[in-house]
N, C-alpha and C. Protein backbone atom coordinates (compact mmCIF):
# COMPACT_ATOMS: atom_id res chain seq x y z
N MET A 1 0.85 -1.20 0.00
CA MET A 1 0.00 0.00 0.00
C MET A 1 0.88 1.25 0.00
N LEU A 2 0.50 2.21 -0.81
CA LEU A 2 1.27 3.43 -0.88
C LEU A 2 1.02 4.30 0.34
N LYS A 3 1.99 5.18 0.61
CA LYS A 3 1.82 6.10 1.73
C LYS A 3 0.53 6.90 1.57
N ASN A 4 -0.09 7.21 2.70
CA ASN A 4 -1.32 7.99 2.70
C ASN A 4 -2.42 7.32 1.88
N LYS A 5 -2.33 5.99 1.73
CA LYS A 5 -3.36 5.21 1.06
C LYS A 5 -3.58 5.66 -0.38
N PHE A 6 -2.49 6.01 -1.06
CA PHE A 6 -2.60 6.42 -2.44
C PHE A 6 -3.02 5.25 -3.31
N LYS A 7 -3.87 5.53 -4.27
CA LYS A 7 -4.21 4.56 -5.30
C LYS A 7 -3.72 5.13 -6.62
N LEU A 8 -2.88 4.38 -7.29
CA LEU A 8 -2.28 4.89 -8.51
C LEU A 8 -3.34 5.23 -9.56
N GLU A 9 -4.45 4.49 -9.54
CA GLU A 9 -5.49 4.76 -10.53
C GLU A 9 -6.18 6.10 -10.32
N ASP A 10 -5.95 6.72 -9.17
CA ASP A 10 -6.51 8.05 -8.91
C ASP A 10 -5.65 9.16 -9.50
N HIS A 11 -4.50 8.81 -10.08
CA HIS A 11 -3.57 9.81 -10.57
C HIS A 11 -3.49 9.81 -12.09
N LEU A 12 -3.29 11.00 -12.65
CA LEU A 12 -2.98 11.10 -14.06
C LEU A 12 -1.62 10.45 -14.27
N PRO A 13 -1.51 9.42 -15.12
CA PRO A 13 -0.26 8.66 -15.21
C PRO A 13 0.78 9.34 -16.10
N LEU A 14 1.06 10.58 -15.79
CA LEU A 14 2.12 11.33 -16.45
C LEU A 14 3.06 11.85 -15.36
N ILE A 15 4.28 11.36 -15.35
CA ILE A 15 5.25 11.79 -14.35
C ILE A 15 6.02 12.98 -14.89
N ALA A 16 5.91 14.11 -14.21
CA ALA A 16 6.64 15.31 -14.60
C ALA A 16 8.06 15.23 -14.04
N ILE A 17 9.04 15.16 -14.94
CA ILE A 17 10.44 15.06 -14.54
C ILE A 17 11.02 16.47 -14.63
N ILE A 18 11.19 17.12 -13.48
CA ILE A 18 11.63 18.51 -13.49
C ILE A 18 13.14 18.59 -13.17
N ARG A 19 13.90 18.01 -14.08
CA ARG A 19 15.35 17.94 -13.92
C ARG A 19 15.97 19.33 -13.98
N GLY A 20 16.85 19.62 -13.00
CA GLY A 20 17.54 20.89 -12.98
C GLY A 20 16.81 21.99 -12.25
N VAL A 21 15.63 21.70 -11.73
CA VAL A 21 14.87 22.73 -11.02
C VAL A 21 15.62 23.20 -9.78
N GLU A 22 15.62 24.49 -9.54
CA GLU A 22 16.23 25.05 -8.34
C GLU A 22 15.25 24.96 -7.17
N SER A 23 15.78 24.83 -5.98
CA SER A 23 14.91 24.65 -4.81
C SER A 23 14.03 25.86 -4.55
N ASP A 24 14.49 27.05 -4.97
CA ASP A 24 13.66 28.23 -4.75
C ASP A 24 12.58 28.39 -5.82
N ALA A 25 12.59 27.51 -6.83
CA ALA A 25 11.57 27.55 -7.89
C ALA A 25 10.67 26.34 -7.89
N VAL A 26 11.00 25.33 -7.08
CA VAL A 26 10.31 24.04 -7.22
C VAL A 26 8.83 24.12 -6.87
N ILE A 27 8.47 24.92 -5.89
CA ILE A 27 7.05 25.04 -5.53
C ILE A 27 6.29 25.73 -6.66
N ARG A 28 6.86 26.81 -7.18
CA ARG A 28 6.18 27.56 -8.25
C ARG A 28 5.99 26.69 -9.48
N VAL A 29 7.02 25.98 -9.88
CA VAL A 29 6.93 25.12 -11.06
C VAL A 29 5.90 24.02 -10.84
N THR A 30 5.93 23.41 -9.68
CA THR A 30 4.99 22.32 -9.38
C THR A 30 3.55 22.82 -9.34
N GLU A 31 3.33 24.00 -8.82
CA GLU A 31 1.98 24.56 -8.81
C GLU A 31 1.45 24.76 -10.22
N ILE A 32 2.32 25.16 -11.13
CA ILE A 32 1.91 25.30 -12.53
C ILE A 32 1.51 23.94 -13.10
N LEU A 33 2.34 22.94 -12.85
CA LEU A 33 2.06 21.60 -13.37
C LEU A 33 0.77 21.04 -12.79
N ILE A 34 0.57 21.21 -11.50
CA ILE A 34 -0.63 20.71 -10.85
C ILE A 34 -1.88 21.43 -11.39
N SER A 35 -1.75 22.71 -11.64
CA SER A 35 -2.90 23.47 -12.16
C SER A 35 -3.35 22.96 -13.52
N GLU A 36 -2.44 22.31 -14.24
CA GLU A 36 -2.78 21.76 -15.56
C GLU A 36 -3.13 20.28 -15.50
N GLY A 37 -3.13 19.69 -14.30
CA GLY A 37 -3.61 18.32 -14.16
C GLY A 37 -2.59 17.30 -13.70
N PHE A 38 -1.32 17.68 -13.62
CA PHE A 38 -0.30 16.72 -13.17
C PHE A 38 -0.45 16.42 -11.68
N THR A 39 -0.23 15.16 -11.32
CA THR A 39 -0.31 14.77 -9.91
C THR A 39 0.91 13.96 -9.47
N MET A 40 1.86 13.75 -10.40
CA MET A 40 3.07 12.96 -10.09
C MET A 40 4.28 13.80 -10.50
N ILE A 41 5.08 14.18 -9.50
CA ILE A 41 6.19 15.09 -9.72
C ILE A 41 7.49 14.46 -9.26
N GLU A 42 8.47 14.43 -10.16
CA GLU A 42 9.78 13.82 -9.88
C GLU A 42 10.88 14.87 -9.98
N VAL A 43 11.67 14.99 -8.92
CA VAL A 43 12.87 15.82 -8.94
C VAL A 43 14.08 14.88 -9.03
N PRO A 44 14.75 14.81 -10.17
CA PRO A 44 15.92 13.94 -10.27
C PRO A 44 17.01 14.37 -9.28
N LEU A 45 17.70 13.39 -8.72
CA LEU A 45 18.70 13.69 -7.70
C LEU A 45 19.91 14.43 -8.26
N ASN A 46 20.08 14.46 -9.57
CA ASN A 46 21.18 15.24 -10.12
C ASN A 46 20.75 16.68 -10.42
N SER A 47 19.66 17.12 -9.78
CA SER A 47 19.25 18.52 -9.80
C SER A 47 19.88 19.24 -8.61
N PRO A 48 20.02 20.57 -8.68
CA PRO A 48 20.62 21.30 -7.56
C PRO A 48 19.79 21.16 -6.28
N ASN A 49 20.46 20.82 -5.17
CA ASN A 49 19.78 20.73 -3.87
C ASN A 49 18.50 19.90 -3.95
N ALA A 50 18.62 18.75 -4.61
CA ALA A 50 17.42 17.95 -4.91
C ALA A 50 16.66 17.53 -3.66
N LEU A 51 17.36 17.08 -2.63
CA LEU A 51 16.68 16.62 -1.42
C LEU A 51 15.92 17.77 -0.75
N GLU A 52 16.51 18.96 -0.78
CA GLU A 52 15.81 20.13 -0.24
C GLU A 52 14.53 20.40 -1.02
N SER A 53 14.61 20.31 -2.34
CA SER A 53 13.43 20.52 -3.17
C SER A 53 12.36 19.49 -2.88
N ILE A 54 12.78 18.23 -2.73
CA ILE A 54 11.81 17.17 -2.46
C ILE A 54 11.14 17.38 -1.11
N LYS A 55 11.90 17.79 -0.11
CA LYS A 55 11.31 18.08 1.20
C LYS A 55 10.25 19.16 1.08
N LYS A 56 10.53 20.18 0.32
CA LYS A 56 9.55 21.26 0.12
C LYS A 56 8.28 20.72 -0.53
N LEU A 57 8.45 19.87 -1.53
CA LEU A 57 7.28 19.30 -2.20
C LEU A 57 6.47 18.41 -1.26
N VAL A 58 7.15 17.62 -0.47
CA VAL A 58 6.46 16.75 0.49
C VAL A 58 5.64 17.58 1.47
N GLU A 59 6.24 18.64 1.99
CA GLU A 59 5.54 19.48 2.97
C GLU A 59 4.34 20.19 2.35
N LYS A 60 4.47 20.59 1.10
CA LYS A 60 3.41 21.37 0.45
C LYS A 60 2.35 20.50 -0.21
N PHE A 61 2.78 19.40 -0.83
CA PHE A 61 1.86 18.63 -1.67
C PHE A 61 1.75 17.15 -1.31
N GLY A 62 2.52 16.69 -0.34
CA GLY A 62 2.63 15.26 -0.08
C GLY A 62 1.38 14.57 0.39
N ASP A 63 0.39 15.35 0.87
CA ASP A 63 -0.85 14.73 1.33
C ASP A 63 -1.81 14.42 0.19
N GLU A 64 -1.57 15.01 -0.97
CA GLU A 64 -2.50 14.83 -2.09
C GLU A 64 -1.88 14.25 -3.34
N TYR A 65 -0.58 14.41 -3.49
CA TYR A 65 0.07 14.06 -4.75
C TYR A 65 1.22 13.10 -4.54
N LEU A 66 1.66 12.48 -5.62
CA LEU A 66 2.85 11.64 -5.59
C LEU A 66 4.04 12.50 -5.94
N VAL A 67 4.90 12.74 -4.97
CA VAL A 67 6.07 13.59 -5.17
C VAL A 67 7.31 12.88 -4.63
N GLY A 68 8.40 13.03 -5.35
CA GLY A 68 9.61 12.37 -4.89
C GLY A 68 10.77 12.55 -5.83
N ALA A 69 11.59 11.51 -5.94
CA ALA A 69 12.89 11.63 -6.59
C ALA A 69 13.00 10.74 -7.81
N GLY A 70 13.81 11.22 -8.75
CA GLY A 70 14.25 10.40 -9.87
C GLY A 70 15.76 10.25 -9.83
N THR A 71 16.27 9.43 -10.73
CA THR A 71 17.71 9.15 -10.80
C THR A 71 18.24 8.65 -9.45
N VAL A 72 17.47 7.78 -8.82
CA VAL A 72 17.88 7.15 -7.56
C VAL A 72 18.60 5.85 -7.92
N THR A 73 19.91 5.81 -7.70
CA THR A 73 20.70 4.69 -8.21
C THR A 73 21.35 3.82 -7.15
N THR A 74 21.29 4.23 -5.88
CA THR A 74 21.93 3.44 -4.82
C THR A 74 20.97 3.32 -3.63
N GLY A 75 21.24 2.33 -2.81
CA GLY A 75 20.45 2.16 -1.61
C GLY A 75 20.56 3.35 -0.68
N GLU A 76 21.74 3.92 -0.56
CA GLU A 76 21.93 5.08 0.30
C GLU A 76 21.10 6.26 -0.19
N GLN A 77 21.08 6.47 -1.49
CA GLN A 77 20.23 7.54 -2.02
C GLN A 77 18.76 7.27 -1.73
N ALA A 78 18.35 6.03 -1.87
CA ALA A 78 16.96 5.69 -1.59
C ALA A 78 16.61 6.00 -0.13
N LYS A 79 17.51 5.68 0.78
CA LYS A 79 17.27 5.98 2.20
C LYS A 79 17.12 7.48 2.43
N GLN A 80 17.95 8.28 1.76
CA GLN A 80 17.88 9.73 1.91
C GLN A 80 16.55 10.26 1.36
N VAL A 81 16.13 9.72 0.25
CA VAL A 81 14.85 10.16 -0.34
C VAL A 81 13.68 9.77 0.56
N ILE A 82 13.69 8.55 1.03
CA ILE A 82 12.62 8.07 1.92
C ILE A 82 12.54 8.93 3.18
N ALA A 83 13.69 9.37 3.66
CA ALA A 83 13.74 10.19 4.87
C ALA A 83 13.06 11.55 4.69
N THR A 84 12.93 12.00 3.46
CA THR A 84 12.24 13.28 3.22
C THR A 84 10.73 13.14 3.34
N GLY A 85 10.23 11.90 3.35
CA GLY A 85 8.79 11.67 3.34
C GLY A 85 8.23 11.48 1.95
N ALA A 86 9.11 11.43 0.95
CA ALA A 86 8.66 11.25 -0.42
C ALA A 86 7.86 9.96 -0.58
N ASN A 87 6.95 9.96 -1.55
CA ASN A 87 6.17 8.75 -1.81
C ASN A 87 6.31 8.26 -3.25
N LEU A 88 7.30 8.80 -3.97
CA LEU A 88 7.56 8.41 -5.35
C LEU A 88 9.06 8.27 -5.55
N VAL A 89 9.49 7.13 -6.08
CA VAL A 89 10.90 6.88 -6.37
C VAL A 89 11.00 6.33 -7.79
N VAL A 90 11.80 6.99 -8.61
CA VAL A 90 12.00 6.59 -10.00
C VAL A 90 13.49 6.43 -10.24
N THR A 91 13.88 5.41 -10.99
CA THR A 91 15.29 5.15 -11.23
C THR A 91 15.55 5.01 -12.73
N PRO A 92 16.80 5.19 -13.16
CA PRO A 92 17.13 4.96 -14.57
C PRO A 92 17.50 3.50 -14.85
N ASN A 93 17.66 2.72 -13.77
CA ASN A 93 18.14 1.35 -13.89
C ASN A 93 17.43 0.48 -12.85
N PHE A 94 17.69 -0.83 -12.93
CA PHE A 94 17.15 -1.71 -11.89
C PHE A 94 18.21 -1.99 -10.85
N ASN A 95 17.94 -1.54 -9.63
CA ASN A 95 18.79 -1.83 -8.48
C ASN A 95 17.88 -2.46 -7.43
N GLN A 96 18.14 -3.71 -7.12
CA GLN A 96 17.23 -4.45 -6.24
C GLN A 96 17.08 -3.79 -4.87
N GLU A 97 18.18 -3.28 -4.33
CA GLU A 97 18.11 -2.66 -3.01
C GLU A 97 17.22 -1.41 -3.03
N VAL A 98 17.35 -0.61 -4.07
CA VAL A 98 16.52 0.59 -4.19
C VAL A 98 15.04 0.22 -4.24
N VAL A 99 14.71 -0.79 -5.02
CA VAL A 99 13.30 -1.19 -5.13
C VAL A 99 12.80 -1.75 -3.81
N HIS A 100 13.58 -2.62 -3.18
CA HIS A 100 13.18 -3.19 -1.89
C HIS A 100 12.92 -2.11 -0.85
N LEU A 101 13.86 -1.20 -0.70
CA LEU A 101 13.75 -0.14 0.32
C LEU A 101 12.54 0.75 0.04
N SER A 102 12.37 1.13 -1.21
CA SER A 102 11.30 2.05 -1.57
C SER A 102 9.93 1.40 -1.39
N ALA A 103 9.81 0.16 -1.84
CA ALA A 103 8.54 -0.55 -1.70
C ALA A 103 8.21 -0.76 -0.23
N ALA A 104 9.22 -1.13 0.57
CA ALA A 104 8.99 -1.36 2.00
C ALA A 104 8.55 -0.09 2.71
N ALA A 105 8.98 1.06 2.20
CA ALA A 105 8.62 2.35 2.81
C ALA A 105 7.25 2.85 2.33
N GLY A 106 6.63 2.09 1.44
CA GLY A 106 5.31 2.48 0.96
C GLY A 106 5.32 3.44 -0.20
N CYS A 107 6.47 3.60 -0.86
CA CYS A 107 6.56 4.50 -2.00
C CYS A 107 6.10 3.80 -3.28
N ALA A 108 5.57 4.58 -4.20
CA ALA A 108 5.40 4.10 -5.56
C ALA A 108 6.79 4.11 -6.19
N VAL A 109 7.22 2.98 -6.73
CA VAL A 109 8.59 2.88 -7.24
C VAL A 109 8.57 2.34 -8.67
N PHE A 110 9.24 3.09 -9.55
CA PHE A 110 9.30 2.75 -10.96
C PHE A 110 10.76 2.66 -11.39
N PRO A 111 11.34 1.45 -11.36
CA PRO A 111 12.72 1.30 -11.81
C PRO A 111 12.82 1.29 -13.33
N GLY A 112 13.92 1.83 -13.85
CA GLY A 112 14.14 1.84 -15.28
C GLY A 112 14.62 0.48 -15.76
N ILE A 113 14.00 0.00 -16.83
CA ILE A 113 14.37 -1.29 -17.40
C ILE A 113 14.39 -1.18 -18.93
N ALA A 114 15.15 -2.07 -19.55
CA ALA A 114 15.19 -2.10 -21.01
C ALA A 114 15.12 -3.51 -21.57
N THR A 115 15.08 -4.53 -20.68
CA THR A 115 15.06 -5.92 -21.13
C THR A 115 14.03 -6.71 -20.32
N PRO A 116 13.57 -7.85 -20.85
CA PRO A 116 12.66 -8.70 -20.08
C PRO A 116 13.26 -9.16 -18.76
N SER A 117 14.56 -9.49 -18.75
CA SER A 117 15.18 -9.95 -17.51
C SER A 117 15.10 -8.88 -16.43
N GLU A 118 15.41 -7.64 -16.80
CA GLU A 118 15.32 -6.54 -15.84
C GLU A 118 13.88 -6.32 -15.40
N ALA A 119 12.96 -6.42 -16.32
CA ALA A 119 11.55 -6.18 -15.99
C ALA A 119 11.03 -7.20 -14.98
N PHE A 120 11.30 -8.46 -15.22
CA PHE A 120 10.82 -9.49 -14.30
C PHE A 120 11.52 -9.40 -12.95
N SER A 121 12.79 -9.06 -12.94
CA SER A 121 13.51 -8.88 -11.68
C SER A 121 12.93 -7.71 -10.89
N ALA A 122 12.60 -6.62 -11.58
CA ALA A 122 12.04 -5.45 -10.93
C ALA A 122 10.68 -5.76 -10.32
N LEU A 123 9.85 -6.46 -11.06
CA LEU A 123 8.53 -6.81 -10.54
C LEU A 123 8.65 -7.76 -9.34
N ALA A 124 9.57 -8.71 -9.42
CA ALA A 124 9.77 -9.64 -8.31
C ALA A 124 10.27 -8.93 -7.06
N ALA A 125 11.00 -7.83 -7.25
CA ALA A 125 11.54 -7.08 -6.12
C ALA A 125 10.51 -6.17 -5.46
N GLY A 126 9.34 -6.02 -6.11
CA GLY A 126 8.28 -5.23 -5.51
C GLY A 126 7.98 -3.91 -6.19
N ALA A 127 8.46 -3.73 -7.42
CA ALA A 127 8.20 -2.49 -8.14
C ALA A 127 6.71 -2.28 -8.37
N THR A 128 6.29 -1.03 -8.24
CA THR A 128 4.90 -0.67 -8.54
C THR A 128 4.62 -0.87 -10.02
N GLY A 129 5.57 -0.48 -10.82
CA GLY A 129 5.50 -0.60 -12.27
C GLY A 129 6.89 -0.44 -12.81
N ILE A 130 7.02 -0.42 -14.12
CA ILE A 130 8.34 -0.31 -14.71
C ILE A 130 8.42 0.89 -15.65
N LYS A 131 9.56 1.54 -15.58
CA LYS A 131 9.88 2.66 -16.46
C LYS A 131 10.64 2.09 -17.65
N ILE A 132 10.05 2.16 -18.83
CA ILE A 132 10.70 1.65 -20.02
C ILE A 132 11.66 2.72 -20.52
N PHE A 133 12.96 2.50 -20.34
CA PHE A 133 13.92 3.56 -20.58
C PHE A 133 15.22 3.04 -21.16
N PRO A 134 15.71 3.68 -22.23
CA PRO A 134 15.03 4.74 -22.98
C PRO A 134 14.13 4.14 -24.06
N VAL A 135 12.88 4.49 -24.03
CA VAL A 135 11.96 3.89 -24.99
C VAL A 135 12.28 4.31 -26.41
N SER A 136 12.99 5.42 -26.57
CA SER A 136 13.39 5.85 -27.91
C SER A 136 14.33 4.83 -28.55
N ALA A 137 15.07 4.08 -27.74
CA ALA A 137 15.97 3.05 -28.26
C ALA A 137 15.20 1.77 -28.58
N LEU A 138 14.22 1.42 -27.74
CA LEU A 138 13.43 0.22 -27.98
C LEU A 138 12.47 0.41 -29.14
N GLY A 139 11.85 1.58 -29.20
CA GLY A 139 10.87 1.84 -30.24
C GLY A 139 9.58 1.06 -30.01
N LEU A 140 8.64 1.23 -30.89
CA LEU A 140 7.35 0.56 -30.75
C LEU A 140 7.48 -0.95 -30.85
N ASP A 141 8.31 -1.43 -31.77
CA ASP A 141 8.45 -2.88 -31.93
C ASP A 141 9.07 -3.50 -30.69
N GLY A 142 10.08 -2.84 -30.13
CA GLY A 142 10.72 -3.36 -28.92
C GLY A 142 9.77 -3.36 -27.75
N PHE A 143 8.99 -2.27 -27.61
CA PHE A 143 8.02 -2.21 -26.51
C PHE A 143 6.94 -3.27 -26.68
N LYS A 144 6.47 -3.46 -27.89
CA LYS A 144 5.44 -4.47 -28.16
C LYS A 144 5.94 -5.86 -27.77
N ALA A 145 7.17 -6.17 -28.13
CA ALA A 145 7.73 -7.48 -27.80
C ALA A 145 7.88 -7.64 -26.29
N LEU A 146 8.33 -6.59 -25.62
CA LEU A 146 8.48 -6.64 -24.16
C LEU A 146 7.13 -6.82 -23.49
N LYS A 147 6.16 -6.03 -23.91
CA LYS A 147 4.83 -6.07 -23.29
C LYS A 147 4.17 -7.43 -23.47
N SER A 148 4.49 -8.11 -24.58
CA SER A 148 3.83 -9.39 -24.88
C SER A 148 4.21 -10.49 -23.89
N VAL A 149 5.34 -10.34 -23.19
CA VAL A 149 5.77 -11.39 -22.27
C VAL A 149 5.56 -11.01 -20.80
N LEU A 150 5.18 -9.77 -20.53
CA LEU A 150 4.97 -9.33 -19.15
C LEU A 150 3.60 -9.74 -18.65
N PRO A 151 3.42 -9.87 -17.33
CA PRO A 151 2.08 -10.10 -16.80
C PRO A 151 1.13 -9.02 -17.33
N PRO A 152 -0.10 -9.39 -17.69
CA PRO A 152 -1.00 -8.46 -18.38
C PRO A 152 -1.24 -7.14 -17.68
N LYS A 153 -1.24 -7.14 -16.35
CA LYS A 153 -1.56 -5.90 -15.62
C LYS A 153 -0.32 -5.10 -15.23
N THR A 154 0.84 -5.44 -15.80
CA THR A 154 2.05 -4.70 -15.48
C THR A 154 1.92 -3.24 -15.90
N ILE A 155 2.20 -2.35 -14.97
CA ILE A 155 2.17 -0.91 -15.26
C ILE A 155 3.45 -0.53 -15.99
N CYS A 156 3.31 -0.03 -17.21
CA CYS A 156 4.46 0.34 -18.03
C CYS A 156 4.41 1.83 -18.33
N MET A 157 5.52 2.51 -18.06
CA MET A 157 5.63 3.95 -18.27
C MET A 157 6.82 4.24 -19.19
N PRO A 158 6.61 4.33 -20.48
CA PRO A 158 7.71 4.68 -21.38
C PRO A 158 8.28 6.07 -21.07
N VAL A 159 9.58 6.19 -21.16
CA VAL A 159 10.26 7.46 -20.88
C VAL A 159 11.39 7.64 -21.90
N GLY A 160 11.50 8.85 -22.43
CA GLY A 160 12.60 9.17 -23.33
C GLY A 160 12.12 9.49 -24.73
N GLY A 161 12.05 10.77 -25.05
CA GLY A 161 11.67 11.16 -26.40
C GLY A 161 10.18 11.26 -26.66
N ILE A 162 9.36 11.27 -25.61
CA ILE A 162 7.91 11.40 -25.78
C ILE A 162 7.56 12.88 -25.97
N ASN A 163 6.78 13.16 -27.00
CA ASN A 163 6.37 14.53 -27.31
C ASN A 163 4.88 14.73 -27.04
N PRO A 164 4.43 15.98 -26.90
CA PRO A 164 3.02 16.24 -26.58
C PRO A 164 2.12 16.18 -27.81
N THR A 165 2.12 15.03 -28.46
CA THR A 165 1.27 14.83 -29.64
C THR A 165 0.60 13.47 -29.56
N ILE A 166 -0.52 13.36 -30.22
CA ILE A 166 -1.20 12.07 -30.31
C ILE A 166 -0.30 11.06 -31.03
N GLU A 167 0.39 11.52 -32.06
CA GLU A 167 1.26 10.64 -32.84
C GLU A 167 2.36 10.03 -31.99
N SER A 168 2.83 10.76 -31.00
CA SER A 168 3.91 10.27 -30.13
C SER A 168 3.38 9.35 -29.03
N MET A 169 2.19 9.64 -28.51
CA MET A 169 1.70 8.95 -27.32
C MET A 169 0.77 7.78 -27.61
N LYS A 170 -0.14 7.96 -28.53
CA LYS A 170 -1.18 6.96 -28.75
C LYS A 170 -0.65 5.58 -29.13
N PRO A 171 0.37 5.47 -29.98
CA PRO A 171 0.86 4.12 -30.33
C PRO A 171 1.30 3.32 -29.12
N TYR A 172 1.94 3.97 -28.15
CA TYR A 172 2.37 3.25 -26.94
C TYR A 172 1.18 2.91 -26.05
N LEU A 173 0.23 3.82 -25.95
CA LEU A 173 -0.97 3.54 -25.15
C LEU A 173 -1.76 2.39 -25.76
N ASP A 174 -1.83 2.35 -27.08
CA ASP A 174 -2.55 1.28 -27.75
C ASP A 174 -1.90 -0.08 -27.51
N LEU A 175 -0.58 -0.07 -27.27
CA LEU A 175 0.14 -1.33 -27.01
C LEU A 175 0.12 -1.71 -25.53
N GLY A 176 -0.47 -0.87 -24.68
CA GLY A 176 -0.62 -1.24 -23.29
C GLY A 176 0.12 -0.40 -22.28
N ALA A 177 0.77 0.68 -22.73
CA ALA A 177 1.39 1.60 -21.76
C ALA A 177 0.28 2.28 -20.96
N LEU A 178 0.55 2.52 -19.67
CA LEU A 178 -0.42 3.24 -18.85
C LEU A 178 -0.24 4.74 -19.00
N GLY A 179 1.01 5.17 -19.04
CA GLY A 179 1.30 6.60 -19.12
C GLY A 179 2.75 6.79 -19.48
N PHE A 180 3.30 7.95 -19.11
CA PHE A 180 4.65 8.29 -19.54
C PHE A 180 5.38 9.10 -18.47
N GLY A 181 6.71 9.04 -18.53
CA GLY A 181 7.53 10.01 -17.83
C GLY A 181 7.96 11.06 -18.83
N LEU A 182 7.86 12.33 -18.44
CA LEU A 182 8.06 13.43 -19.38
C LEU A 182 9.17 14.34 -18.87
N GLY A 183 10.18 14.52 -19.69
CA GLY A 183 11.34 15.29 -19.27
C GLY A 183 11.48 16.62 -19.96
N SER A 184 12.49 16.75 -20.82
CA SER A 184 12.87 18.06 -21.35
C SER A 184 11.82 18.66 -22.27
N ALA A 185 10.95 17.86 -22.85
CA ALA A 185 9.88 18.42 -23.68
C ALA A 185 8.80 19.08 -22.82
N LEU A 186 8.80 18.77 -21.54
CA LEU A 186 7.85 19.38 -20.61
C LEU A 186 8.49 20.53 -19.85
N TYR A 187 9.70 20.30 -19.35
CA TYR A 187 10.33 21.28 -18.46
C TYR A 187 11.84 21.32 -18.64
N SER A 188 12.38 22.51 -18.65
CA SER A 188 13.81 22.75 -18.44
C SER A 188 13.93 24.05 -17.67
N PRO A 189 15.01 24.24 -16.92
CA PRO A 189 15.14 25.43 -16.09
C PRO A 189 15.11 26.74 -16.86
N SER A 190 15.41 26.69 -18.15
CA SER A 190 15.43 27.92 -18.95
C SER A 190 14.05 28.37 -19.40
N MET A 191 13.04 27.53 -19.21
CA MET A 191 11.70 27.87 -19.67
C MET A 191 11.02 28.90 -18.78
N SER A 192 10.22 29.74 -19.40
CA SER A 192 9.39 30.67 -18.64
C SER A 192 8.19 29.93 -18.06
N ASP A 193 7.52 30.56 -17.11
CA ASP A 193 6.32 29.95 -16.53
C ASP A 193 5.28 29.68 -17.61
N ASP A 194 5.13 30.60 -18.54
CA ASP A 194 4.15 30.41 -19.61
C ASP A 194 4.51 29.21 -20.49
N GLU A 195 5.79 29.05 -20.76
CA GLU A 195 6.22 27.90 -21.56
C GLU A 195 5.93 26.59 -20.83
N ILE A 196 6.21 26.55 -19.54
CA ILE A 196 5.94 25.35 -18.76
C ILE A 196 4.45 25.05 -18.76
N ARG A 197 3.65 26.09 -18.56
CA ARG A 197 2.19 25.91 -18.53
C ARG A 197 1.68 25.39 -19.88
N ASN A 198 2.16 25.99 -20.95
CA ASN A 198 1.71 25.58 -22.28
C ASN A 198 2.14 24.15 -22.60
N ASN A 199 3.35 23.79 -22.21
CA ASN A 199 3.81 22.41 -22.41
C ASN A 199 2.97 21.43 -21.61
N ALA A 200 2.69 21.77 -20.35
CA ALA A 200 1.89 20.89 -19.50
C ALA A 200 0.51 20.70 -20.09
N LYS A 201 -0.09 21.79 -20.52
CA LYS A 201 -1.43 21.71 -21.11
C LYS A 201 -1.41 20.84 -22.36
N ALA A 202 -0.38 21.00 -23.19
CA ALA A 202 -0.29 20.23 -24.42
C ALA A 202 -0.14 18.74 -24.15
N PHE A 203 0.66 18.38 -23.15
CA PHE A 203 0.83 16.97 -22.82
C PHE A 203 -0.46 16.35 -22.29
N VAL A 204 -1.13 17.05 -21.39
CA VAL A 204 -2.37 16.51 -20.82
C VAL A 204 -3.43 16.36 -21.91
N THR A 205 -3.52 17.35 -22.77
CA THR A 205 -4.50 17.29 -23.86
C THR A 205 -4.20 16.13 -24.80
N ALA A 206 -2.94 15.99 -25.20
CA ALA A 206 -2.56 14.92 -26.12
C ALA A 206 -2.78 13.56 -25.48
N TYR A 207 -2.47 13.44 -24.20
CA TYR A 207 -2.70 12.16 -23.51
C TYR A 207 -4.19 11.81 -23.51
N ASN A 208 -5.01 12.74 -23.11
CA ASN A 208 -6.45 12.47 -23.03
C ASN A 208 -7.04 12.16 -24.40
N GLU A 209 -6.59 12.88 -25.42
CA GLU A 209 -7.10 12.62 -26.77
C GLU A 209 -6.60 11.28 -27.30
N SER A 210 -5.44 10.86 -26.84
CA SER A 210 -4.88 9.58 -27.29
C SER A 210 -5.62 8.37 -26.72
N LEU A 211 -6.40 8.60 -25.68
CA LEU A 211 -7.17 7.51 -25.07
C LEU A 211 -8.39 7.15 -25.89
N ASN A 212 -8.80 8.02 -26.78
CA ASN A 212 -10.02 7.82 -27.56
C ASN A 212 -9.75 6.98 -28.82
């Protein structure tokens, strides 16, 4: 069970990856994303003062939203993230200790995988779902082949090169993806608030239209 009795199905399955966000901007940026419908916010640990930013998000939004860290690659990092009260852990790779620690703490945890072996190991370790990364390398054919051997209800979140268009999103959704992790096409530190808002709106619109 997720912290605060979160149900993943209650969330828009689009993870906002706000890599590079400064701690003095993280609340403002997140408020923009939430206003456009996002409910899952990831601060990668290779962002400036990432743990400080995550703590701020937990204090402000942790009772209603899934907020936490990305680029969590070691058990020690996972412990530091869990200590902030975060309820979301995303990784670029499969590390069994990270998944075990995060799942035991009640976090939603999405380890990055690119092969069936990694995917099954991640699920066996207690992953909430799997981050297909980089999906730009696997492509639709690779994702289709991977999805065909996974348990039918496996939550799959392609990440890497997803754009805010039906053409980019719908093919993966049609093959069984639940949602996506969204990075530089959604947010970069150089963007204005209006740019972030417009990008967020475009992604949510494209996702919803792709479901039809």
